[in-house]
Amino acid sequence: MKKLKCAVIGAGYLGKFHAEKYATLPDCELTAVVDINEAAAKEVADKLGAKALTEYKPLLGAIDAVSIVVPTTLHHAISRDFLEAGAHVLVEKPITVTVAEADELIAIAKENGLILQVGHLERFNPAILGLDNEEKPLFIESHRLSPFNPRANDVSVVLDLMIHDIDIILALVDSEVERIDASGTAVLTKGTDIANARLLFKNGCVANVTASRISMKMERKMRMFRPSSYVSVDFHQRILTRHRTGKKEMFPGIPEIETEESTFESGDALLEEIKHFVNCIRTGKSPLVTGEAGKRALATAIQITQLLGD
C-alpha cells in the first residue's frame, strides 16, 4: 500500500500531537511540519524525521493529506488552498469563522472528491462511541467546565468549549433548531467566560447546555432523558451509565429500574480521529464529522454568541 504523504500546519500545543500521531501510522509518511515560528516547527519536525517549514504553499500539490491546526481565522484560507490543490483536509474546530466560509470549503471538497473532516475530538471519546441510538433523546443537559487556561481565550467560551457539546447534541437529536435562548457573562476576559444556552428543536427535544472556563474543577458530562431510559455520559472519566425500565416490577404495576455502567479504558481520541481520517481517504467513506456537521455546529454556536453579544 502506498503511503499517504501527510503534513501538519501549526506546531503549537495541539499541532505537535497531530504530527506525532501521523508519524506512528505505518501507512502514512509525515512529510512536513509548518509553523511561522521556525523554532517550533523545527523542534517537532526534527523529532519525527520530517521537514520543518515556515510557509505552507510549497506543499500545495505535493502532499495527500493535511491537518490544519492554526488559529480559527486562518482555517478557511489554508484549507481552501489545500483542497484546491487536491489534498484531503482535517481542520480543527470550529471549521471556519463564518458559515459562508464553511460552505465554500464544503463545495470545493465535494467538487474535487476530497475528504473534509472537522476536528470535533469528543466524537471519538469511547464513552460517546458506546452510546446506542435506539431512542431519540427528549431532554439533554450538558456541563463542560474547565479551570481557566490563557491558551484559548481569543474566542468566547461558546466557540472554545460549548461547541463540543453543541456538535454532539445536534448529531444525537437530528432535528432543526427552532429557538435558542442564551445568557452568559465575562469574568476574566473580554469575551464570555461562562454561558448557558437552551436549544428547542422542532421535534420537541430540549437541550440545556452550560460551559465555563473559569471553574475550580474539570467536569465534562452529558445527561439525556429518552422514552424508556436515562443515560449519563462522563467524557472526562470515560463512563457511560444507562438506567432503563426492566421487565420485573419493583411495585405492583411499576417496572423496576435496571442500571448498567460501562467504564472505558483511557484511549487516544486524537489518534482514533486521525486513523479515521486516513481510513476515510482510503475507502472514500464519509467521515464521522463532515464539513456539513462542522458547519451546523458553527452556525448554532454563532447564534448563541450573537445572543450573548460577543
C-alpha atoms as a PDB file:
ATOM      1  CA  MET A   1       0.000   0.000   0.000  1.00  0.00           C
ATOM      2  CA  LYS A   2       1.407   3.371  -0.995  1.00  0.00           C
ATOM      3  CA  LYS A   3       1.959   5.633   1.990  1.00  0.00           C
ATOM      4  CA  LEU A   4      -0.034   8.839   2.232  1.00  0.00           C
ATOM      5  CA  LYS A   5       2.167  11.903   2.267  1.00  0.00           C
ATOM      6  CA  CYS A   6       0.880  13.984   5.206  1.00  0.00           C
ATOM      7  CA  ALA A   7       1.669  17.369   6.714  1.00  0.00           C
ATOM      8  CA  VAL A   8       0.635  19.346   9.773  1.00  0.00           C
ATOM      9  CA  ILE A   9       0.130  23.093   9.579  1.00  0.00           C
ATOM     10  CA  GLY A  10       0.653  24.571  13.038  1.00  0.00           C
ATOM     11  CA  ALA A  11       3.197  23.280  15.546  1.00  0.00           C
ATOM     12  CA  GLY A  12       1.596  24.633  18.690  1.00  0.00           C
ATOM     13  CA  TYR A  13       0.169  22.714  21.652  1.00  0.00           C
ATOM     14  CA  LEU A  14      -2.256  20.590  19.610  1.00  0.00           C
ATOM     15  CA  GLY A  15      -0.394  20.599  16.309  1.00  0.00           C
ATOM     16  CA  LYS A  16       2.573  18.738  17.725  1.00  0.00           C
ATOM     17  CA  PHE A  17       0.250  15.933  18.820  1.00  0.00           C
ATOM     18  CA  HIS A  18      -1.247  15.710  15.316  1.00  0.00           C
ATOM     19  CA  ALA A  19       2.273  15.341  13.938  1.00  0.00           C
ATOM     20  CA  GLU A  20       3.144  12.621  16.448  1.00  0.00           C
ATOM     21  CA  LYS A  21       0.045  10.601  15.505  1.00  0.00           C
ATOM     22  CA  TYR A  22       0.778  10.687  11.766  1.00  0.00           C
ATOM     23  CA  ALA A  23       4.344   9.600  12.496  1.00  0.00           C
ATOM     24  CA  THR A  24       3.074   6.454  14.267  1.00  0.00           C
ATOM     25  CA  LEU A  25       0.807   5.300  11.420  1.00  0.00           C
ATOM     26  CA  PRO A  26       2.505   2.731   9.150  1.00  0.00           C
ATOM     27  CA  ASP A  27       0.577   3.790   6.047  1.00  0.00           C
ATOM     28  CA  CYS A  28       1.407   7.491   6.456  1.00  0.00           C
ATOM     29  CA  GLU A  29       4.577   9.480   5.880  1.00  0.00           C
ATOM     30  CA  LEU A  30       4.829  12.702   7.862  1.00  0.00           C
ATOM     31  CA  THR A  31       6.394  14.889   5.186  1.00  0.00           C
ATOM     32  CA  ALA A  32       6.446  18.297   6.840  1.00  0.00           C
ATOM     33  CA  VAL A  33       5.530  20.365   9.871  1.00  0.00           C
ATOM     34  CA  VAL A  34       4.788  24.024   9.184  1.00  0.00           C
ATOM     35  CA  ASP A  35       4.729  26.966  11.569  1.00  0.00           C
ATOM     36  CA  ILE A  36       5.574  30.644  11.241  1.00  0.00           C
ATOM     37  CA  ASN A  37       7.691  30.077  14.349  1.00  0.00           C
ATOM     38  CA  GLU A  38      10.680  28.336  12.782  1.00  0.00           C
ATOM     39  CA  ALA A  39      11.991  27.036  16.100  1.00  0.00           C
ATOM     40  CA  ALA A  40       8.633  25.445  16.958  1.00  0.00           C
ATOM     41  CA  ALA A  41       8.366  23.775  13.541  1.00  0.00           C
ATOM     42  CA  LYS A  42      11.958  22.522  13.738  1.00  0.00           C
ATOM     43  CA  GLU A  43      11.567  21.121  17.240  1.00  0.00           C
ATOM     44  CA  VAL A  44       8.599  18.952  16.215  1.00  0.00           C
ATOM     45  CA  ALA A  45       9.863  18.044  12.741  1.00  0.00           C
ATOM     46  CA  ASP A  46      13.388  17.060  13.833  1.00  0.00           C
ATOM     47  CA  LYS A  47      11.990  14.777  16.498  1.00  0.00           C
ATOM     48  CA  LEU A  48       9.764  12.978  13.970  1.00  0.00           C
ATOM     49  CA  GLY A  49      12.035  12.947  10.912  1.00  0.00           C
ATOM     50  CA  ALA A  50      10.043  15.458   8.860  1.00  0.00           C
ATOM     51  CA  LYS A  51      10.877  18.725   7.114  1.00  0.00           C
ATOM     52  CA  ALA A  52      10.370  21.962   9.023  1.00  0.00           C
ATOM     53  CA  LEU A  53       8.856  24.831   7.038  1.00  0.00           C
ATOM     54  CA  THR A  54       7.669  28.327   7.869  1.00  0.00           C
ATOM     55  CA  GLU A  55       5.409  28.562   4.795  1.00  0.00           C
ATOM     56  CA  TYR A  56       2.809  26.009   3.662  1.00  0.00           C
ATOM     57  CA  LYS A  57       2.490  26.939  -0.011  1.00  0.00           C
ATOM     58  CA  PRO A  58       5.491  24.846  -1.186  1.00  0.00           C
ATOM     59  CA  LEU A  59       3.471  21.798  -0.075  1.00  0.00           C
ATOM     60  CA  LEU A  60       0.488  22.543  -2.341  1.00  0.00           C
ATOM     61  CA  GLY A  61       0.205  19.697  -4.842  1.00  0.00           C
ATOM     62  CA  ALA A  62       2.975  17.751  -3.097  1.00  0.00           C
ATOM     63  CA  ILE A  63       1.053  16.019  -0.279  1.00  0.00           C
ATOM     64  CA  ASP A  64      -2.031  13.807   0.006  1.00  0.00           C
ATOM     65  CA  ALA A  65      -3.463  14.890   3.359  1.00  0.00           C
ATOM     66  CA  VAL A  66      -3.070  17.674   5.872  1.00  0.00           C
ATOM     67  CA  SER A  67      -4.078  18.587   9.406  1.00  0.00           C
ATOM     68  CA  ILE A  68      -4.721  22.287   9.848  1.00  0.00           C
ATOM     69  CA  VAL A  69      -4.102  23.271  13.462  1.00  0.00           C
ATOM     70  CA  VAL A  70      -3.813  27.056  13.376  1.00  0.00           C
ATOM     71  CA  PRO A  71      -5.923  29.947  14.741  1.00  0.00           C
ATOM     72  CA  THR A  72      -9.526  29.778  13.504  1.00  0.00           C
ATOM     73  CA  THR A  73      -9.147  32.961  11.442  1.00  0.00           C
ATOM     74  CA  LEU A  74      -6.692  31.075   9.185  1.00  0.00           C
ATOM     75  CA  HIS A  75      -8.745  27.874   8.765  1.00  0.00           C
ATOM     76  CA  HIS A  76     -10.601  28.990   5.650  1.00  0.00           C
ATOM     77  CA  ALA A  77      -7.699  30.294   3.560  1.00  0.00           C
ATOM     78  CA  ILE A  78      -5.327  27.417   4.307  1.00  0.00           C
ATOM     79  CA  SER A  79      -7.989  24.702   3.961  1.00  0.00           C
ATOM     80  CA  ARG A  80      -9.151  26.214   0.656  1.00  0.00           C
ATOM     81  CA  ASP A  81      -5.622  26.252  -0.746  1.00  0.00           C
ATOM     82  CA  PHE A  82      -5.016  22.593   0.086  1.00  0.00           C
ATOM     83  CA  LEU A  83      -8.439  21.432  -1.142  1.00  0.00           C
ATOM     84  CA  GLU A  84      -7.945  23.278  -4.424  1.00  0.00           C
ATOM     85  CA  ALA A  85      -4.535  21.599  -4.706  1.00  0.00           C
ATOM     86  CA  GLY A  86      -6.133  18.152  -4.293  1.00  0.00           C
ATOM     87  CA  ALA A  87      -5.267  17.346  -0.663  1.00  0.00           C
ATOM     88  CA  HIS A  88      -7.670  15.840   1.876  1.00  0.00           C
ATOM     89  CA  VAL A  89      -8.156  18.134   4.881  1.00  0.00           C
ATOM     90  CA  LEU A  90      -8.655  17.577   8.599  1.00  0.00           C
ATOM     91  CA  VAL A  91      -9.297  21.028  10.053  1.00  0.00           C
ATOM     92  CA  GLU A  92      -9.573  21.677  13.762  1.00  0.00           C
ATOM     93  CA  LYS A  93     -12.831  23.007  15.213  1.00  0.00           C
ATOM     94  CA  PRO A  94     -14.507  25.364  14.655  1.00  0.00           C
ATOM     95  CA  ILE A  95     -14.372  24.694  10.918  1.00  0.00           C
ATOM     96  CA  THR A  96     -14.154  28.406   9.992  1.00  0.00           C
ATOM     97  CA  VAL A  97     -15.080  31.842  11.287  1.00  0.00           C
ATOM     98  CA  THR A  98     -18.248  32.206   9.193  1.00  0.00           C
ATOM     99  CA  VAL A  99     -20.865  29.890   7.716  1.00  0.00           C
ATOM    100  CA  ALA A 100     -20.158  31.267   4.242  1.00  0.00           C
ATOM    101  CA  GLU A 101     -16.507  30.227   4.562  1.00  0.00           C
ATOM    102  CA  ALA A 102     -17.585  26.747   5.644  1.00  0.00           C
ATOM    103  CA  ASP A 103     -19.938  26.496   2.653  1.00  0.00           C
ATOM    104  CA  GLU A 104     -17.081  27.312   0.294  1.00  0.00           C
ATOM    105  CA  LEU A 105     -14.819  24.597   1.749  1.00  0.00           C
ATOM    106  CA  ILE A 106     -17.620  22.029   1.593  1.00  0.00           C
ATOM    107  CA  ALA A 107     -18.296  22.891  -2.048  1.00  0.00           C
ATOM    108  CA  ILE A 108     -14.611  22.648  -3.063  1.00  0.00           C
ATOM    109  CA  ALA A 109     -14.177  19.305  -1.277  1.00  0.00           C
ATOM    110  CA  LYS A 110     -17.294  17.901  -2.951  1.00  0.00           C
ATOM    111  CA  GLU A 111     -16.291  19.179  -6.374  1.00  0.00           C
ATOM    112  CA  ASN A 112     -12.844  17.575  -6.089  1.00  0.00           C
ATOM    113  CA  GLY A 113     -13.992  14.349  -4.405  1.00  0.00           C
ATOM    114  CA  LEU A 114     -11.936  15.028  -1.264  1.00  0.00           C
ATOM    115  CA  ILE A 115     -12.412  14.277   2.416  1.00  0.00           C
ATOM    116  CA  LEU A 116     -13.095  17.320   4.568  1.00  0.00           C
ATOM    117  CA  GLN A 117     -13.199  16.315   8.232  1.00  0.00           C
ATOM    118  CA  VAL A 118     -13.625  18.654  11.204  1.00  0.00           C
ATOM    119  CA  GLY A 119     -11.726  18.000  14.435  1.00  0.00           C
ATOM    120  CA  HIS A 120     -14.531  17.660  16.962  1.00  0.00           C
ATOM    121  CA  LEU A 121     -12.453  15.358  19.141  1.00  0.00           C
ATOM    122  CA  GLU A 122     -15.182  14.385  21.629  1.00  0.00           C
ATOM    123  CA  ARG A 123     -16.931  12.391  18.885  1.00  0.00           C
ATOM    124  CA  PHE A 124     -14.099   9.890  19.329  1.00  0.00           C
ATOM    125  CA  ASN A 125     -14.410   9.665  23.102  1.00  0.00           C
ATOM    126  CA  PRO A 126     -15.110   5.958  23.832  1.00  0.00           C
ATOM    127  CA  ALA A 127     -17.947   6.867  26.209  1.00  0.00           C
ATOM    128  CA  ILE A 128     -19.931   8.599  23.465  1.00  0.00           C
ATOM    129  CA  LEU A 129     -18.989   5.960  20.885  1.00  0.00           C
ATOM    130  CA  GLY A 130     -20.509   3.371  23.233  1.00  0.00           C
ATOM    131  CA  LEU A 131     -23.881   5.132  23.290  1.00  0.00           C
ATOM    132  CA  ASP A 132     -26.644   3.331  21.406  1.00  0.00           C
ATOM    133  CA  ASN A 133     -29.065   5.109  19.076  1.00  0.00           C
ATOM    134  CA  GLU A 134     -32.091   3.006  19.971  1.00  0.00           C
ATOM    135  CA  GLU A 135     -34.073   6.014  21.202  1.00  0.00           C
ATOM    136  CA  LYS A 136     -34.009   9.698  20.360  1.00  0.00           C
ATOM    137  CA  PRO A 137     -33.499  11.987  23.380  1.00  0.00           C
ATOM    138  CA  LEU A 138     -36.366  14.036  24.762  1.00  0.00           C
ATOM    139  CA  PHE A 139     -34.225  16.254  27.013  1.00  0.00           C
ATOM    140  CA  ILE A 140     -30.451  16.760  27.200  1.00  0.00           C
ATOM    141  CA  GLU A 141     -28.387  18.566  29.797  1.00  0.00           C
ATOM    142  CA  SER A 142     -24.651  19.081  29.415  1.00  0.00           C
ATOM    143  CA  HIS A 143     -21.963  20.693  31.561  1.00  0.00           C
ATOM    144  CA  ARG A 144     -18.466  21.389  30.252  1.00  0.00           C
ATOM    145  CA  LEU A 145     -16.474  23.140  32.967  1.00  0.00           C
ATOM    146  CA  SER A 146     -12.744  23.845  32.967  1.00  0.00           C
ATOM    147  CA  PRO A 147     -10.275  25.874  35.027  1.00  0.00           C
ATOM    148  CA  PHE A 148      -9.003  28.997  33.294  1.00  0.00           C
ATOM    149  CA  ASN A 149      -6.392  28.444  30.578  1.00  0.00           C
ATOM    150  CA  PRO A 150      -4.945  31.543  28.873  1.00  0.00           C
ATOM    151  CA  ARG A 151      -4.147  29.495  25.743  1.00  0.00           C
ATOM    152  CA  ALA A 152      -7.680  29.634  24.313  1.00  0.00           C
ATOM    153  CA  ASN A 153      -9.113  32.990  25.394  1.00  0.00           C
ATOM    154  CA  ASP A 154      -9.043  34.542  21.912  1.00  0.00           C
ATOM    155  CA  VAL A 155     -12.619  33.287  21.419  1.00  0.00           C
ATOM    156  CA  SER A 156     -15.672  33.069  23.667  1.00  0.00           C
ATOM    157  CA  VAL A 157     -16.336  30.013  25.797  1.00  0.00           C
ATOM    158  CA  VAL A 158     -19.044  29.053  23.283  1.00  0.00           C
ATOM    159  CA  LEU A 159     -16.574  28.559  20.412  1.00  0.00           C
ATOM    160  CA  ASP A 160     -13.890  27.218  22.727  1.00  0.00           C
ATOM    161  CA  LEU A 161     -15.787  24.669  24.843  1.00  0.00           C
ATOM    162  CA  MET A 162     -19.550  24.651  24.305  1.00  0.00           C
ATOM    163  CA  ILE A 163     -19.220  23.855  20.600  1.00  0.00           C
ATOM    164  CA  HIS A 164     -18.092  20.299  21.513  1.00  0.00           C
ATOM    165  CA  ASP A 165     -21.444  19.592  23.154  1.00  0.00           C
ATOM    166  CA  ILE A 166     -23.390  21.501  20.505  1.00  0.00           C
ATOM    167  CA  ASP A 167     -21.904  19.226  17.838  1.00  0.00           C
ATOM    168  CA  ILE A 168     -22.767  16.040  19.766  1.00  0.00           C
ATOM    169  CA  ILE A 169     -26.284  17.226  20.630  1.00  0.00           C
ATOM    170  CA  LEU A 170     -27.056  18.155  17.017  1.00  0.00           C
ATOM    171  CA  ALA A 171     -25.934  14.689  15.907  1.00  0.00           C
ATOM    172  CA  LEU A 172     -27.976  12.931  18.601  1.00  0.00           C
ATOM    173  CA  VAL A 173     -31.197  14.901  18.120  1.00  0.00           C
ATOM    174  CA  ASP A 174     -31.029  15.112  14.307  1.00  0.00           C
ATOM    175  CA  SER A 175     -33.696  17.833  14.065  1.00  0.00           C
ATOM    176  CA  GLU A 176     -33.716  21.501  13.163  1.00  0.00           C
ATOM    177  CA  VAL A 177     -33.222  24.031  15.951  1.00  0.00           C
ATOM    178  CA  GLU A 178     -36.372  26.102  16.318  1.00  0.00           C
ATOM    179  CA  ARG A 179     -35.366  28.509  19.082  1.00  0.00           C
ATOM    180  CA  ILE A 180     -32.347  29.413  21.187  1.00  0.00           C
ATOM    181  CA  ASP A 181     -32.195  31.309  24.484  1.00  0.00           C
ATOM    182  CA  ALA A 182     -28.822  32.168  25.967  1.00  0.00           C
ATOM    183  CA  SER A 183     -27.205  34.005  28.849  1.00  0.00           C
ATOM    184  CA  GLY A 184     -23.626  34.450  29.944  1.00  0.00           C
ATOM    185  CA  THR A 185     -21.032  36.824  31.283  1.00  0.00           C
ATOM    186  CA  ALA A 186     -17.389  37.835  31.057  1.00  0.00           C
ATOM    187  CA  VAL A 187     -15.410  37.369  34.263  1.00  0.00           C
ATOM    188  CA  LEU A 188     -11.690  37.147  33.491  1.00  0.00           C
ATOM    189  CA  THR A 189     -11.535  38.041  29.782  1.00  0.00           C
ATOM    190  CA  LYS A 190     -13.261  40.430  27.390  1.00  0.00           C
ATOM    191  CA  GLY A 191     -15.331  37.599  25.934  1.00  0.00           C
ATOM    192  CA  THR A 192     -17.966  35.423  27.597  1.00  0.00           C
ATOM    193  CA  ASP A 193     -16.345  33.088  30.134  1.00  0.00           C
ATOM    194  CA  ILE A 194     -19.431  31.266  31.396  1.00  0.00           C
ATOM    195  CA  ALA A 195     -22.538  30.666  29.318  1.00  0.00           C
ATOM    196  CA  ASN A 196     -25.783  28.738  29.226  1.00  0.00           C
ATOM    197  CA  ALA A 197     -27.913  28.061  26.165  1.00  0.00           C
ATOM    198  CA  ARG A 198     -31.302  26.410  25.846  1.00  0.00           C
ATOM    199  CA  LEU A 199     -31.996  24.849  22.451  1.00  0.00           C
ATOM    200  CA  LEU A 200     -35.538  23.941  21.445  1.00  0.00           C
ATOM    201  CA  PHE A 201     -35.721  21.547  18.482  1.00  0.00           C
ATOM    202  CA  LYS A 202     -38.569  21.151  16.016  1.00  0.00           C
ATOM    203  CA  ASN A 203     -39.117  17.546  17.125  1.00  0.00           C
ATOM    204  CA  GLY A 204     -39.771  18.769  20.693  1.00  0.00           C
ATOM    205  CA  CYS A 205     -36.422  17.878  22.243  1.00  0.00           C
ATOM    206  CA  VAL A 206     -34.883  20.473  24.566  1.00  0.00           C
ATOM    207  CA  ALA A 207     -31.157  20.771  25.295  1.00  0.00           C
ATOM    208  CA  ASN A 208     -29.774  22.815  28.175  1.00  0.00           C
ATOM    209  CA  VAL A 209     -26.050  23.460  27.604  1.00  0.00           C
ATOM    210  CA  THR A 210     -23.637  25.059  30.080  1.00  0.00           C
ATOM    211  CA  ALA A 211     -19.961  25.859  29.531  1.00  0.00           C
ATOM    212  CA  SER A 212     -17.454  27.583  31.787  1.00  0.00           C
ATOM    213  CA  ARG A 213     -13.734  28.215  31.522  1.00  0.00           C
ATOM    214  CA  ILE A 214     -13.461  29.731  34.994  1.00  0.00           C
ATOM    215  CA  SER A 215     -14.448  26.685  37.031  1.00  0.00           C
ATOM    216  CA  MET A 216     -12.493  25.401  40.011  1.00  0.00           C
ATOM    217  CA  LYS A 217     -12.868  21.847  38.698  1.00  0.00           C
ATOM    218  CA  MET A 218     -12.918  19.887  35.467  1.00  0.00           C
ATOM    219  CA  GLU A 219     -16.302  18.462  34.509  1.00  0.00           C
ATOM    220  CA  ARG A 220     -17.494  17.204  31.140  1.00  0.00           C
ATOM    221  CA  LYS A 221     -20.848  15.475  31.473  1.00  0.00           C
ATOM    222  CA  MET A 222     -23.961  14.982  29.413  1.00  0.00           C
ATOM    223  CA  ARG A 223     -27.257  13.569  30.642  1.00  0.00           C
ATOM    224  CA  MET A 224     -30.215  12.661  28.489  1.00  0.00           C
ATOM    225  CA  PHE A 225     -33.757  11.502  29.079  1.00  0.00           C
ATOM    226  CA  ARG A 226     -35.203   9.137  26.494  1.00  0.00           C
ATOM    227  CA  PRO A 227     -38.677   7.488  26.302  1.00  0.00           C
ATOM    228  CA  SER A 228     -37.650   4.460  28.377  1.00  0.00           C
ATOM    229  CA  SER A 229     -34.157   5.292  29.615  1.00  0.00           C
ATOM    230  CA  TYR A 230     -31.907   7.839  31.289  1.00  0.00           C
ATOM    231  CA  VAL A 231     -28.301   7.997  30.104  1.00  0.00           C
ATOM    232  CA  SER A 232     -25.304   9.744  31.640  1.00  0.00           C
ATOM    233  CA  VAL A 233     -22.016  10.277  29.791  1.00  0.00           C
ATOM    234  CA  ASP A 234     -18.897  11.342  31.684  1.00  0.00           C
ATOM    235  CA  PHE A 235     -16.435  12.375  28.976  1.00  0.00           C
ATOM    236  CA  HIS A 236     -13.625  13.083  31.423  1.00  0.00           C
ATOM    237  CA  GLN A 237     -13.808   9.791  33.309  1.00  0.00           C
ATOM    238  CA  ARG A 238     -14.999   7.860  30.217  1.00  0.00           C
ATOM    239  CA  ILE A 239     -18.031   6.388  31.993  1.00  0.00           C
ATOM    240  CA  LEU A 240     -21.338   5.589  30.296  1.00  0.00           C
ATOM    241  CA  THR A 241     -24.290   4.853  32.613  1.00  0.00           C
ATOM    242  CA  ARG A 242     -27.697   3.647  31.455  1.00  0.00           C
ATOM    243  CA  HIS A 243     -30.847   3.451  33.573  1.00  0.00           C
ATOM    244  CA  ARG A 244     -33.825   1.823  31.868  1.00  0.00           C
ATOM    245  CA  THR A 245     -37.121   0.206  32.732  1.00  0.00           C
ATOM    246  CA  GLY A 246     -36.884  -3.549  33.171  1.00  0.00           C
ATOM    247  CA  LYS A 247     -39.315  -6.448  32.788  1.00  0.00           C
ATOM    248  CA  LYS A 248     -39.756  -7.047  36.516  1.00  0.00           C
ATOM    249  CA  GLU A 249     -41.789  -4.872  38.885  1.00  0.00           C
ATOM    250  CA  MET A 250     -40.463  -3.077  41.962  1.00  0.00           C
ATOM    251  CA  PHE A 251     -44.079  -2.227  42.960  1.00  0.00           C
ATOM    252  CA  PRO A 252     -47.340  -3.535  41.511  1.00  0.00           C
ATOM    253  CA  GLY A 253     -47.686  -2.012  38.066  1.00  0.00           C
ATOM    254  CA  ILE A 254     -44.359  -0.134  38.405  1.00  0.00           C
ATOM    255  CA  PRO A 255     -41.388  -1.575  36.462  1.00  0.00           C
ATOM    256  CA  GLU A 256     -38.015  -1.885  38.118  1.00  0.00           C
ATOM    257  CA  ILE A 257     -35.095   0.299  37.053  1.00  0.00           C
ATOM    258  CA  GLU A 258     -32.102  -1.559  35.622  1.00  0.00           C
ATOM    259  CA  THR A 259     -28.709   0.124  35.757  1.00  0.00           C
ATOM    260  CA  GLU A 260     -25.729  -0.669  33.556  1.00  0.00           C
ATOM    261  CA  GLU A 261     -22.417   1.167  33.864  1.00  0.00           C
ATOM    262  CA  SER A 262     -19.548   0.894  31.385  1.00  0.00           C
ATOM    263  CA  THR A 263     -16.104   2.302  32.127  1.00  0.00           C
ATOM    264  CA  PHE A 264     -13.781   2.600  29.170  1.00  0.00           C
ATOM    265  CA  GLU A 265     -10.011   2.404  29.294  1.00  0.00           C
ATOM    266  CA  SER A 266      -8.032   5.551  28.706  1.00  0.00           C
ATOM    267  CA  GLY A 267      -7.750   5.700  24.938  1.00  0.00           C
ATOM    268  CA  ASP A 268      -6.196   8.099  22.468  1.00  0.00           C
ATOM    269  CA  ALA A 269      -9.096  10.005  20.888  1.00  0.00           C
ATOM    270  CA  LEU A 270      -6.807  12.090  18.676  1.00  0.00           C
ATOM    271  CA  LEU A 271      -5.096   9.006  17.281  1.00  0.00           C
ATOM    272  CA  GLU A 272      -8.504   7.439  16.597  1.00  0.00           C
ATOM    273  CA  GLU A 273      -9.649  10.650  14.909  1.00  0.00           C
ATOM    274  CA  ILE A 274      -6.616  10.726  12.615  1.00  0.00           C
ATOM    275  CA  LYS A 275      -6.847   6.984  11.882  1.00  0.00           C
ATOM    276  CA  HIS A 276     -10.497   7.559  10.962  1.00  0.00           C
ATOM    277  CA  PHE A 277      -9.470  10.417   8.656  1.00  0.00           C
ATOM    278  CA  VAL A 278      -6.902   8.207   6.932  1.00  0.00           C
ATOM    279  CA  ASN A 279      -9.392   5.340   6.611  1.00  0.00           C
ATOM    280  CA  CYS A 280     -11.942   7.674   5.002  1.00  0.00           C
ATOM    281  CA  ILE A 281      -9.292   8.744   2.491  1.00  0.00           C
ATOM    282  CA  ARG A 282      -8.506   5.101   1.714  1.00  0.00           C
ATOM    283  CA  THR A 283     -12.116   3.916   1.457  1.00  0.00           C
ATOM    284  CA  GLY A 284     -13.967   7.020   0.296  1.00  0.00           C
ATOM    285  CA  LYS A 285     -16.363   6.737   3.234  1.00  0.00           C
ATOM    286  CA  SER A 286     -17.895   9.873   4.717  1.00  0.00           C
ATOM    287  CA  PRO A 287     -16.167  10.956   7.950  1.00  0.00           C
ATOM    288  CA  LEU A 288     -17.909  10.881  11.303  1.00  0.00           C
ATOM    289  CA  VAL A 289     -17.664  14.685  11.460  1.00  0.00           C
ATOM    290  CA  THR A 290     -18.232  16.016   7.960  1.00  0.00           C
ATOM    291  CA  GLY A 291     -17.827  19.587   6.805  1.00  0.00           C
ATOM    292  CA  GLU A 292     -21.622  19.868   6.949  1.00  0.00           C
ATOM    293  CA  ALA A 293     -21.642  18.732  10.600  1.00  0.00           C
ATOM    294  CA  GLY A 294     -18.905  21.219  11.416  1.00  0.00           C
ATOM    295  CA  LYS A 295     -20.847  23.982   9.663  1.00  0.00           C
ATOM    296  CA  ARG A 296     -24.026  23.184  11.562  1.00  0.00           C
ATOM    297  CA  ALA A 297     -22.242  23.271  14.910  1.00  0.00           C
ATOM    298  CA  LEU A 298     -20.605  26.569  13.920  1.00  0.00           C
ATOM    299  CA  ALA A 299     -23.910  28.124  12.813  1.00  0.00           C
ATOM    300  CA  THR A 300     -25.550  27.209  16.129  1.00  0.00           C
ATOM    301  CA  ALA A 301     -22.557  28.474  18.114  1.00  0.00           C
ATOM    302  CA  ILE A 302     -22.636  31.765  16.196  1.00  0.00           C
ATOM    303  CA  GLN A 303     -26.334  32.199  17.022  1.00  0.00           C
ATOM    304  CA  ILE A 304     -25.544  31.720  20.694  1.00  0.00           C
ATOM    305  CA  THR A 305     -22.595  34.149  20.660  1.00  0.00           C
ATOM    306  CA  GLN A 306     -24.775  36.773  18.969  1.00  0.00           C
ATOM    307  CA  LEU A 307     -27.396  36.366  21.668  1.00  0.00           C
ATOM    308  CA  LEU A 308     -24.635  36.834  24.241  1.00  0.00           C
ATOM    309  CA  GLY A 309     -23.364  39.960  22.494  1.00  0.00           C
ATOM    310  CA  ASP A 310     -19.922  38.553  21.681  1.00  0.00           C
END
